[in-house]
Each structure stands twice: as structure tokens, then as C-alpha cells.
Amino acid sequence: MVTMTDNQASVIDEGAFTVRRTIRIAAPVDKVWRAVTEPEHISRWFGRTVLDGAGVGARGTMTFPDYGAVPIRVEAIDAPHTVTYRWGNDDALGRLPDAVDEATSTVFTFTLEPLGDGTQLTVVETGFDRTSDPAANMASHGEGWVSELDKLVALLEGDA
């Protein structure tokens, strides 16, 4: 039986309109990096991800069951340390799937740090003050980061 790493829940900062979650993964940085930057790997634990290229400026969608397609764009990369994405939220539903609205989108950054036995991954999502319902969006995304990153840990620490 594989033992999964025990990680804390997301932290919501209502004053700064941010959601943050830091986890530990028993996998090397290069493996975690591929899992958070390459669409074929992201699709295995997050939403089904399609990008029109690689690198900063790549656009596409993340599609979630029972939710639909969310527009996404790569904003910044400092391999293998940080990658930043901008994506639509509930305010973007029903819009063109490749159109990230600067006025209402949020931004999330994955930061990877090597640990003796694996990787520390921190995600920080910002910009909830630009959404139609900041408190509800922060609560929803806080829960979402727990669910999605727990799937990432299971994938990378399991036999998948």
C-alpha cells in the first residue's frame, strides 16, 4: 500500500483576495514540473488541458466534467521554479473558450522548491477582487485547490 503525503488545506486571505496552498510531494522537482506545465500531464490530474503552443503566451482551455471549458493562458515561466497561468472563472462561462478576460480573470502561480525527499509545491491564486463574487470564488477555489492538488499528490506518489 502506498502512503500519500499528508498536506494542509488552502489558506484564504480575504483582505488580499488570495488563495494559497503549500503541499509536499514525494517526487523530484523535474517530475512535478512536467505535471504542472505539460498539457498531457496536467490533463491527468487537473482539467483536460489543451494549449496552442508552449511557453509564455500559449493559450487554450481547461475542461472540467460538469463545468465546461475555462480559457487559460501561460503568463510567465521560470523553469523549473515557477509557472504562472491566467484563467477565467465563473464570470467567463459562456464566453469564447480562448478569450481570457483581463478584467475578471484570476492568476495562479505554481512555485516548486526541492526538498530532501521530494518537492514543495505552493500555488497562489490572486485577483479575486476582480470577480463578481470574491468571497464565493475564493471559497470555491480554496476547496478546488485541495481536491486538485490531492489528485496530483496521488498521481505522482502512486503507481500511475
N, C-alpha and C. Protein backbone atom coordinates (compact mmCIF):
# COMPACT_ATOMS: atom_id res chain seq x y z
N MET A 1 0.84 -1.19 0.00
CA MET A 1 0.00 0.00 0.00
C MET A 1 0.88 1.24 0.00
N VAL A 2 0.55 2.21 -0.84
CA VAL A 2 1.30 3.46 -0.92
C VAL A 2 0.71 4.45 0.07
N THR A 3 1.56 5.10 0.86
CA THR A 3 1.10 6.11 1.80
C THR A 3 1.24 7.47 1.13
N MET A 4 0.14 8.21 1.10
CA MET A 4 0.17 9.54 0.49
C MET A 4 0.65 10.56 1.51
N THR A 5 1.34 11.57 1.04
CA THR A 5 1.80 12.65 1.90
C THR A 5 0.58 13.40 2.44
N ASP A 6 0.60 13.73 3.73
CA ASP A 6 -0.49 14.45 4.37
C ASP A 6 -0.23 15.95 4.22
N ASN A 7 -1.13 16.67 3.56
CA ASN A 7 -0.95 18.09 3.31
C ASN A 7 -2.09 18.90 3.90
N GLN A 8 -1.80 20.16 4.23
CA GLN A 8 -2.77 21.07 4.82
C GLN A 8 -3.73 21.62 3.76
N ALA A 9 -4.82 22.19 4.22
CA ALA A 9 -5.82 22.79 3.33
C ALA A 9 -5.32 24.14 2.80
N SER A 10 -6.10 24.72 1.92
CA SER A 10 -5.82 26.05 1.37
C SER A 10 -6.02 27.11 2.45
N VAL A 11 -5.31 28.21 2.29
CA VAL A 11 -5.45 29.36 3.17
C VAL A 11 -6.02 30.50 2.34
N ILE A 12 -7.16 31.04 2.78
CA ILE A 12 -7.81 32.15 2.08
C ILE A 12 -7.49 33.44 2.83
N ASP A 13 -6.97 34.43 2.11
CA ASP A 13 -6.69 35.75 2.68
C ASP A 13 -7.71 36.71 2.08
N GLU A 14 -8.78 36.96 2.82
CA GLU A 14 -9.87 37.80 2.30
C GLU A 14 -9.43 39.23 2.07
N GLY A 15 -8.48 39.72 2.87
CA GLY A 15 -8.01 41.09 2.70
C GLY A 15 -7.18 41.28 1.45
N ALA A 16 -6.41 40.26 1.09
CA ALA A 16 -5.55 40.33 -0.11
C ALA A 16 -6.20 39.67 -1.32
N PHE A 17 -7.39 39.08 -1.13
CA PHE A 17 -8.11 38.39 -2.20
C PHE A 17 -7.25 37.30 -2.84
N THR A 18 -6.62 36.47 -1.99
CA THR A 18 -5.77 35.39 -2.47
C THR A 18 -6.14 34.06 -1.83
N VAL A 19 -5.81 33.01 -2.56
CA VAL A 19 -5.89 31.64 -2.04
C VAL A 19 -4.50 31.05 -2.21
N ARG A 20 -4.01 30.40 -1.14
CA ARG A 20 -2.66 29.81 -1.16
C ARG A 20 -2.74 28.40 -0.59
N ARG A 21 -2.00 27.50 -1.21
CA ARG A 21 -1.86 26.15 -0.65
C ARG A 21 -0.45 25.67 -0.90
N THR A 22 0.19 25.17 0.13
CA THR A 22 1.53 24.60 0.03
C THR A 22 1.44 23.12 0.37
N ILE A 23 2.00 22.29 -0.51
CA ILE A 23 1.99 20.85 -0.30
C ILE A 23 3.40 20.30 -0.48
N ARG A 24 3.59 19.10 0.04
CA ARG A 24 4.83 18.36 -0.18
C ARG A 24 4.49 17.13 -1.01
N ILE A 25 5.34 16.84 -1.98
CA ILE A 25 5.13 15.69 -2.86
C ILE A 25 6.41 14.87 -2.86
N ALA A 26 6.27 13.57 -2.64
CA ALA A 26 7.42 12.67 -2.64
C ALA A 26 7.76 12.32 -4.10
N ALA A 27 8.23 13.32 -4.82
CA ALA A 27 8.64 13.17 -6.23
C ALA A 27 9.64 14.29 -6.52
N PRO A 28 10.60 14.05 -7.43
CA PRO A 28 11.60 15.07 -7.74
C PRO A 28 10.99 16.27 -8.48
N VAL A 29 11.67 17.42 -8.37
CA VAL A 29 11.21 18.66 -8.98
C VAL A 29 10.91 18.48 -10.47
N ASP A 30 11.79 17.79 -11.22
CA ASP A 30 11.57 17.67 -12.67
C ASP A 30 10.27 16.94 -12.99
N LYS A 31 9.91 15.96 -12.19
CA LYS A 31 8.66 15.23 -12.41
C LYS A 31 7.45 16.10 -12.08
N VAL A 32 7.53 16.86 -10.98
CA VAL A 32 6.45 17.77 -10.60
C VAL A 32 6.33 18.88 -11.64
N TRP A 33 7.46 19.38 -12.12
CA TRP A 33 7.46 20.44 -13.13
C TRP A 33 6.68 20.01 -14.38
N ARG A 34 6.97 18.80 -14.87
CA ARG A 34 6.24 18.30 -16.04
C ARG A 34 4.75 18.20 -15.75
N ALA A 35 4.41 17.80 -14.53
CA ALA A 35 3.00 17.61 -14.16
C ALA A 35 2.22 18.92 -14.12
N VAL A 36 2.91 20.05 -13.89
CA VAL A 36 2.21 21.34 -13.81
C VAL A 36 2.42 22.22 -15.04
N THR A 37 3.21 21.74 -16.02
CA THR A 37 3.46 22.58 -17.21
C THR A 37 3.12 21.92 -18.53
N GLU A 38 3.08 20.61 -18.60
CA GLU A 38 2.84 19.94 -19.88
C GLU A 38 1.38 19.49 -19.95
N PRO A 39 0.64 19.97 -20.98
CA PRO A 39 -0.79 19.69 -21.06
C PRO A 39 -1.17 18.21 -20.90
N GLU A 40 -0.38 17.32 -21.47
CA GLU A 40 -0.74 15.90 -21.37
C GLU A 40 -0.63 15.40 -19.92
N HIS A 41 0.25 16.02 -19.14
CA HIS A 41 0.38 15.65 -17.73
C HIS A 41 -0.65 16.38 -16.87
N ILE A 42 -0.88 17.66 -17.15
CA ILE A 42 -1.89 18.43 -16.41
C ILE A 42 -3.25 17.73 -16.55
N SER A 43 -3.54 17.24 -17.74
CA SER A 43 -4.84 16.61 -18.01
C SER A 43 -5.06 15.35 -17.18
N ARG A 44 -3.99 14.77 -16.65
CA ARG A 44 -4.13 13.53 -15.86
C ARG A 44 -4.59 13.80 -14.43
N TRP A 45 -4.46 15.04 -13.94
CA TRP A 45 -4.85 15.32 -12.55
C TRP A 45 -5.73 16.55 -12.39
N PHE A 46 -5.74 17.43 -13.36
CA PHE A 46 -6.47 18.70 -13.24
C PHE A 46 -7.60 18.66 -14.26
N GLY A 47 -7.76 19.70 -15.03
CA GLY A 47 -8.75 19.68 -16.10
C GLY A 47 -8.08 19.24 -17.39
N ARG A 48 -8.90 18.71 -18.33
CA ARG A 48 -8.34 18.33 -19.64
C ARG A 48 -7.83 19.60 -20.29
N THR A 49 -6.51 19.65 -20.50
CA THR A 49 -5.85 20.89 -20.91
C THR A 49 -5.37 20.80 -22.35
N VAL A 50 -5.70 21.84 -23.10
CA VAL A 50 -5.24 21.97 -24.48
C VAL A 50 -4.66 23.37 -24.62
N LEU A 51 -3.40 23.45 -25.08
CA LEU A 51 -2.76 24.74 -25.34
C LEU A 51 -2.33 24.81 -26.79
N ASP A 52 -2.29 26.02 -27.35
CA ASP A 52 -1.93 26.21 -28.75
C ASP A 52 -0.43 26.28 -28.98
N GLY A 53 0.35 25.97 -27.99
CA GLY A 53 1.80 26.00 -28.11
C GLY A 53 2.41 25.80 -26.75
N ALA A 54 3.69 26.14 -26.63
CA ALA A 54 4.38 26.04 -25.35
C ALA A 54 4.96 27.40 -25.03
N GLY A 55 5.19 27.66 -23.77
CA GLY A 55 5.84 28.90 -23.37
C GLY A 55 4.86 30.02 -23.09
N VAL A 56 5.43 31.17 -22.72
CA VAL A 56 4.64 32.35 -22.38
C VAL A 56 3.78 32.75 -23.57
N GLY A 57 2.52 33.03 -23.30
CA GLY A 57 1.59 33.43 -24.34
C GLY A 57 0.76 32.30 -24.91
N ALA A 58 1.13 31.06 -24.61
CA ALA A 58 0.32 29.92 -25.08
C ALA A 58 -1.08 30.05 -24.50
N ARG A 59 -2.09 29.78 -25.35
CA ARG A 59 -3.49 29.90 -24.94
C ARG A 59 -4.19 28.58 -25.14
N GLY A 60 -5.29 28.43 -24.44
CA GLY A 60 -6.08 27.23 -24.63
C GLY A 60 -7.22 27.16 -23.65
N THR A 61 -7.57 25.93 -23.31
CA THR A 61 -8.68 25.70 -22.39
C THR A 61 -8.34 24.58 -21.42
N MET A 62 -8.98 24.64 -20.27
CA MET A 62 -9.03 23.53 -19.32
C MET A 62 -10.51 23.17 -19.24
N THR A 63 -10.81 21.90 -19.47
CA THR A 63 -12.20 21.46 -19.43
C THR A 63 -12.40 20.53 -18.25
N PHE A 64 -13.43 20.85 -17.47
CA PHE A 64 -13.75 20.09 -16.26
C PHE A 64 -15.10 19.43 -16.43
N PRO A 65 -15.24 18.16 -16.01
CA PRO A 65 -16.53 17.49 -16.08
C PRO A 65 -17.57 18.29 -15.28
N ASP A 66 -18.78 18.36 -15.78
CA ASP A 66 -19.88 19.05 -15.12
C ASP A 66 -19.64 20.55 -14.93
N TYR A 67 -18.66 21.12 -15.63
CA TYR A 67 -18.40 22.55 -15.51
C TYR A 67 -18.24 23.19 -16.88
N GLY A 68 -17.43 22.57 -17.71
CA GLY A 68 -17.20 23.12 -19.04
C GLY A 68 -15.79 23.62 -19.22
N ALA A 69 -15.58 24.32 -20.33
CA ALA A 69 -14.25 24.80 -20.71
C ALA A 69 -13.97 26.16 -20.07
N VAL A 70 -12.74 26.29 -19.56
CA VAL A 70 -12.28 27.53 -18.96
C VAL A 70 -11.10 28.02 -19.79
N PRO A 71 -11.14 29.29 -20.25
CA PRO A 71 -10.00 29.80 -21.00
C PRO A 71 -8.78 29.97 -20.10
N ILE A 72 -7.60 29.68 -20.66
CA ILE A 72 -6.36 29.75 -19.89
C ILE A 72 -5.24 30.28 -20.78
N ARG A 73 -4.28 30.97 -20.16
CA ARG A 73 -3.11 31.48 -20.89
C ARG A 73 -1.89 31.41 -19.98
N VAL A 74 -0.76 31.01 -20.55
CA VAL A 74 0.50 30.99 -19.80
C VAL A 74 1.03 32.42 -19.73
N GLU A 75 1.25 32.90 -18.50
CA GLU A 75 1.68 34.29 -18.29
C GLU A 75 3.18 34.43 -18.09
N ALA A 76 3.80 33.47 -17.39
CA ALA A 76 5.23 33.57 -17.08
C ALA A 76 5.78 32.18 -16.76
N ILE A 77 7.06 31.99 -17.09
CA ILE A 77 7.74 30.73 -16.79
C ILE A 77 9.17 31.03 -16.36
N ASP A 78 9.58 30.40 -15.26
CA ASP A 78 10.98 30.40 -14.83
C ASP A 78 11.28 28.94 -14.47
N ALA A 79 11.59 28.15 -15.51
CA ALA A 79 11.76 26.70 -15.33
C ALA A 79 13.01 26.39 -14.51
N PRO A 80 12.94 25.40 -13.66
CA PRO A 80 11.79 24.63 -13.19
C PRO A 80 11.27 25.13 -11.85
N HIS A 81 11.22 26.47 -11.69
CA HIS A 81 10.87 27.04 -10.39
C HIS A 81 9.44 27.56 -10.30
N THR A 82 9.01 28.34 -11.31
CA THR A 82 7.66 28.92 -11.26
C THR A 82 7.02 28.90 -12.64
N VAL A 83 5.70 28.73 -12.64
CA VAL A 83 4.89 28.89 -13.84
C VAL A 83 3.60 29.59 -13.41
N THR A 84 3.21 30.58 -14.20
CA THR A 84 2.03 31.38 -13.89
C THR A 84 1.03 31.27 -15.03
N TYR A 85 -0.23 31.03 -14.66
CA TYR A 85 -1.33 30.94 -15.61
C TYR A 85 -2.38 31.98 -15.25
N ARG A 86 -3.06 32.50 -16.28
CA ARG A 86 -4.24 33.34 -16.09
C ARG A 86 -5.41 32.55 -16.64
N TRP A 87 -6.52 32.53 -15.89
CA TRP A 87 -7.66 31.76 -16.35
C TRP A 87 -8.97 32.45 -16.00
N GLY A 88 -9.99 32.06 -16.76
CA GLY A 88 -11.32 32.55 -16.48
C GLY A 88 -11.88 31.85 -15.25
N ASN A 89 -12.94 32.41 -14.71
CA ASN A 89 -13.63 31.80 -13.57
C ASN A 89 -15.11 31.78 -13.92
N ASP A 90 -15.97 31.74 -12.93
CA ASP A 90 -17.40 31.69 -13.22
C ASP A 90 -17.86 32.84 -14.09
N ASP A 91 -17.18 34.00 -14.01
CA ASP A 91 -17.55 35.15 -14.82
C ASP A 91 -17.29 34.91 -16.31
N ALA A 92 -16.49 33.90 -16.64
CA ALA A 92 -16.11 33.65 -18.04
C ALA A 92 -16.98 32.61 -18.72
N LEU A 93 -17.85 31.94 -17.96
CA LEU A 93 -18.67 30.88 -18.56
C LEU A 93 -19.52 31.45 -19.69
N GLY A 94 -19.55 30.71 -20.78
CA GLY A 94 -20.35 31.12 -21.93
C GLY A 94 -19.62 32.03 -22.91
N ARG A 95 -18.39 32.41 -22.57
CA ARG A 95 -17.60 33.25 -23.48
C ARG A 95 -16.77 32.35 -24.39
N LEU A 96 -16.14 32.96 -25.37
CA LEU A 96 -15.27 32.20 -26.26
C LEU A 96 -14.22 31.48 -25.42
N PRO A 97 -13.99 30.20 -25.69
CA PRO A 97 -13.09 29.43 -24.83
C PRO A 97 -11.64 29.89 -24.85
N ASP A 98 -11.22 30.63 -25.86
CA ASP A 98 -9.82 31.04 -25.89
C ASP A 98 -9.64 32.51 -25.50
N ALA A 99 -10.70 33.12 -24.98
CA ALA A 99 -10.64 34.53 -24.64
C ALA A 99 -10.55 34.71 -23.12
N VAL A 100 -9.34 34.97 -22.62
CA VAL A 100 -9.16 35.23 -21.20
C VAL A 100 -9.44 36.72 -21.00
N ASP A 101 -10.43 37.02 -20.17
CA ASP A 101 -10.82 38.40 -19.91
C ASP A 101 -9.94 38.98 -18.80
N GLU A 102 -9.11 39.95 -19.18
CA GLU A 102 -8.19 40.56 -18.20
C GLU A 102 -8.95 41.18 -17.03
N ALA A 103 -10.17 41.65 -17.27
CA ALA A 103 -10.92 42.37 -16.25
C ALA A 103 -11.46 41.47 -15.15
N THR A 104 -11.71 40.20 -15.45
CA THR A 104 -12.35 39.33 -14.45
C THR A 104 -11.57 38.05 -14.16
N SER A 105 -10.48 37.82 -14.86
CA SER A 105 -9.74 36.57 -14.68
C SER A 105 -8.89 36.62 -13.41
N THR A 106 -8.52 35.43 -12.94
CA THR A 106 -7.59 35.32 -11.82
C THR A 106 -6.30 34.71 -12.33
N VAL A 107 -5.25 34.84 -11.54
CA VAL A 107 -3.92 34.37 -11.92
C VAL A 107 -3.44 33.40 -10.83
N PHE A 108 -2.90 32.25 -11.27
CA PHE A 108 -2.32 31.34 -10.27
C PHE A 108 -0.90 30.98 -10.68
N THR A 109 -0.04 30.89 -9.66
CA THR A 109 1.37 30.58 -9.86
C THR A 109 1.73 29.36 -9.03
N PHE A 110 2.37 28.40 -9.70
CA PHE A 110 2.95 27.25 -9.01
C PHE A 110 4.42 27.57 -8.77
N THR A 111 4.88 27.41 -7.53
CA THR A 111 6.28 27.57 -7.19
C THR A 111 6.78 26.24 -6.65
N LEU A 112 7.87 25.74 -7.23
CA LEU A 112 8.45 24.45 -6.85
C LEU A 112 9.77 24.67 -6.15
N GLU A 113 9.96 23.98 -5.02
CA GLU A 113 11.22 24.04 -4.28
C GLU A 113 11.64 22.62 -3.94
N PRO A 114 12.91 22.26 -4.20
CA PRO A 114 13.35 20.92 -3.85
C PRO A 114 13.39 20.72 -2.33
N LEU A 115 12.99 19.54 -1.92
CA LEU A 115 13.10 19.11 -0.52
C LEU A 115 13.99 17.88 -0.53
N GLY A 116 14.50 17.50 0.63
CA GLY A 116 15.36 16.33 0.69
C GLY A 116 14.75 15.10 0.04
N ASP A 117 13.46 14.89 0.28
CA ASP A 117 12.81 13.67 -0.21
C ASP A 117 11.77 13.96 -1.29
N GLY A 118 11.82 15.13 -1.89
CA GLY A 118 10.82 15.43 -2.92
C GLY A 118 10.74 16.90 -3.25
N THR A 119 9.51 17.40 -3.34
CA THR A 119 9.28 18.77 -3.80
C THR A 119 8.22 19.43 -2.93
N GLN A 120 8.46 20.70 -2.62
CA GLN A 120 7.41 21.52 -2.02
C GLN A 120 6.80 22.34 -3.15
N LEU A 121 5.48 22.26 -3.28
CA LEU A 121 4.75 22.98 -4.32
C LEU A 121 3.80 23.95 -3.62
N THR A 122 3.90 25.22 -3.99
CA THR A 122 2.98 26.23 -3.47
C THR A 122 2.21 26.80 -4.66
N VAL A 123 0.90 26.88 -4.51
CA VAL A 123 0.08 27.58 -5.50
C VAL A 123 -0.49 28.81 -4.81
N VAL A 124 -0.41 29.95 -5.49
CA VAL A 124 -1.04 31.17 -5.01
C VAL A 124 -1.90 31.69 -6.15
N GLU A 125 -3.19 31.87 -5.86
CA GLU A 125 -4.12 32.42 -6.85
C GLU A 125 -4.55 33.80 -6.37
N THR A 126 -4.46 34.78 -7.27
CA THR A 126 -4.76 36.17 -6.93
C THR A 126 -5.78 36.74 -7.92
N GLY A 127 -6.31 37.90 -7.58
CA GLY A 127 -7.21 38.61 -8.48
C GLY A 127 -8.68 38.41 -8.19
N PHE A 128 -9.01 37.81 -7.07
CA PHE A 128 -10.42 37.56 -6.77
C PHE A 128 -11.21 38.85 -6.56
N ASP A 129 -10.52 39.94 -6.29
CA ASP A 129 -11.21 41.22 -6.15
C ASP A 129 -11.83 41.67 -7.47
N ARG A 130 -11.39 41.11 -8.59
CA ARG A 130 -11.93 41.47 -9.90
C ARG A 130 -13.10 40.58 -10.31
N THR A 131 -13.46 39.62 -9.48
CA THR A 131 -14.54 38.70 -9.84
C THR A 131 -15.88 39.23 -9.33
N SER A 132 -16.95 38.67 -9.85
CA SER A 132 -18.28 39.16 -9.49
C SER A 132 -18.66 38.84 -8.05
N ASP A 133 -18.08 37.78 -7.47
CA ASP A 133 -18.38 37.39 -6.09
C ASP A 133 -17.09 36.89 -5.44
N PRO A 134 -16.24 37.83 -4.98
CA PRO A 134 -14.93 37.44 -4.47
C PRO A 134 -14.98 36.38 -3.37
N ALA A 135 -15.85 36.53 -2.38
CA ALA A 135 -15.88 35.58 -1.26
C ALA A 135 -16.24 34.18 -1.73
N ALA A 136 -17.26 34.08 -2.57
CA ALA A 136 -17.68 32.77 -3.07
C ALA A 136 -16.61 32.15 -3.96
N ASN A 137 -15.98 32.97 -4.81
CA ASN A 137 -14.93 32.45 -5.68
C ASN A 137 -13.72 31.98 -4.89
N MET A 138 -13.32 32.73 -3.85
CA MET A 138 -12.19 32.31 -3.04
C MET A 138 -12.50 31.00 -2.30
N ALA A 139 -13.71 30.89 -1.77
CA ALA A 139 -14.09 29.66 -1.07
C ALA A 139 -14.10 28.47 -2.03
N SER A 140 -14.68 28.67 -3.21
CA SER A 140 -14.75 27.60 -4.21
C SER A 140 -13.35 27.18 -4.67
N HIS A 141 -12.50 28.15 -4.97
CA HIS A 141 -11.15 27.84 -5.45
C HIS A 141 -10.30 27.27 -4.33
N GLY A 142 -10.52 27.71 -3.09
CA GLY A 142 -9.80 27.13 -1.96
C GLY A 142 -10.07 25.65 -1.84
N GLU A 143 -11.36 25.27 -1.96
CA GLU A 143 -11.73 23.86 -1.95
C GLU A 143 -11.19 23.14 -3.18
N GLY A 144 -11.25 23.82 -4.32
CA GLY A 144 -10.77 23.23 -5.57
C GLY A 144 -9.29 22.89 -5.52
N TRP A 145 -8.47 23.79 -4.95
CA TRP A 145 -7.03 23.51 -4.88
C TRP A 145 -6.74 22.33 -3.97
N VAL A 146 -7.56 22.11 -2.94
CA VAL A 146 -7.38 20.93 -2.10
C VAL A 146 -7.65 19.68 -2.93
N SER A 147 -8.79 19.65 -3.59
CA SER A 147 -9.18 18.49 -4.39
C SER A 147 -8.17 18.21 -5.51
N GLU A 148 -7.84 19.23 -6.28
CA GLU A 148 -6.98 19.04 -7.45
C GLU A 148 -5.55 18.69 -7.05
N LEU A 149 -4.98 19.39 -6.07
CA LEU A 149 -3.60 19.10 -5.69
C LEU A 149 -3.49 17.77 -4.97
N ASP A 150 -4.56 17.34 -4.27
CA ASP A 150 -4.54 16.00 -3.69
C ASP A 150 -4.48 14.94 -4.80
N LYS A 151 -5.15 15.21 -5.93
CA LYS A 151 -5.07 14.29 -7.08
C LYS A 151 -3.65 14.26 -7.63
N LEU A 152 -2.98 15.42 -7.66
CA LEU A 152 -1.60 15.49 -8.14
C LEU A 152 -0.68 14.66 -7.24
N VAL A 153 -0.84 14.79 -5.93
CA VAL A 153 -0.03 14.01 -5.00
C VAL A 153 -0.27 12.52 -5.23
N ALA A 154 -1.54 12.12 -5.34
CA ALA A 154 -1.87 10.70 -5.56
C ALA A 154 -1.25 10.20 -6.86
N LEU A 155 -1.31 11.00 -7.92
CA LEU A 155 -0.74 10.61 -9.20
C LEU A 155 0.79 10.43 -9.10
N LEU A 156 1.45 11.41 -8.54
CA LEU A 156 2.92 11.38 -8.52
C LEU A 156 3.49 10.44 -7.47
N GLU A 157 2.74 10.18 -6.40
CA GLU A 157 3.24 9.28 -5.37
C GLU A 157 2.73 7.85 -5.55
N GLY A 158 1.75 7.69 -6.45
CA GLY A 158 1.20 6.35 -6.68
C GLY A 158 1.93 5.66 -7.81
N ASP A 159 1.33 4.63 -8.32
CA ASP A 159 1.93 3.86 -9.42
C ASP A 159 1.41 4.29 -10.77
N ALA A 160 0.67 5.41 -10.81
CA ALA A 160 0.04 5.85 -12.07
C ALA A 160 1.08 6.21 -13.12
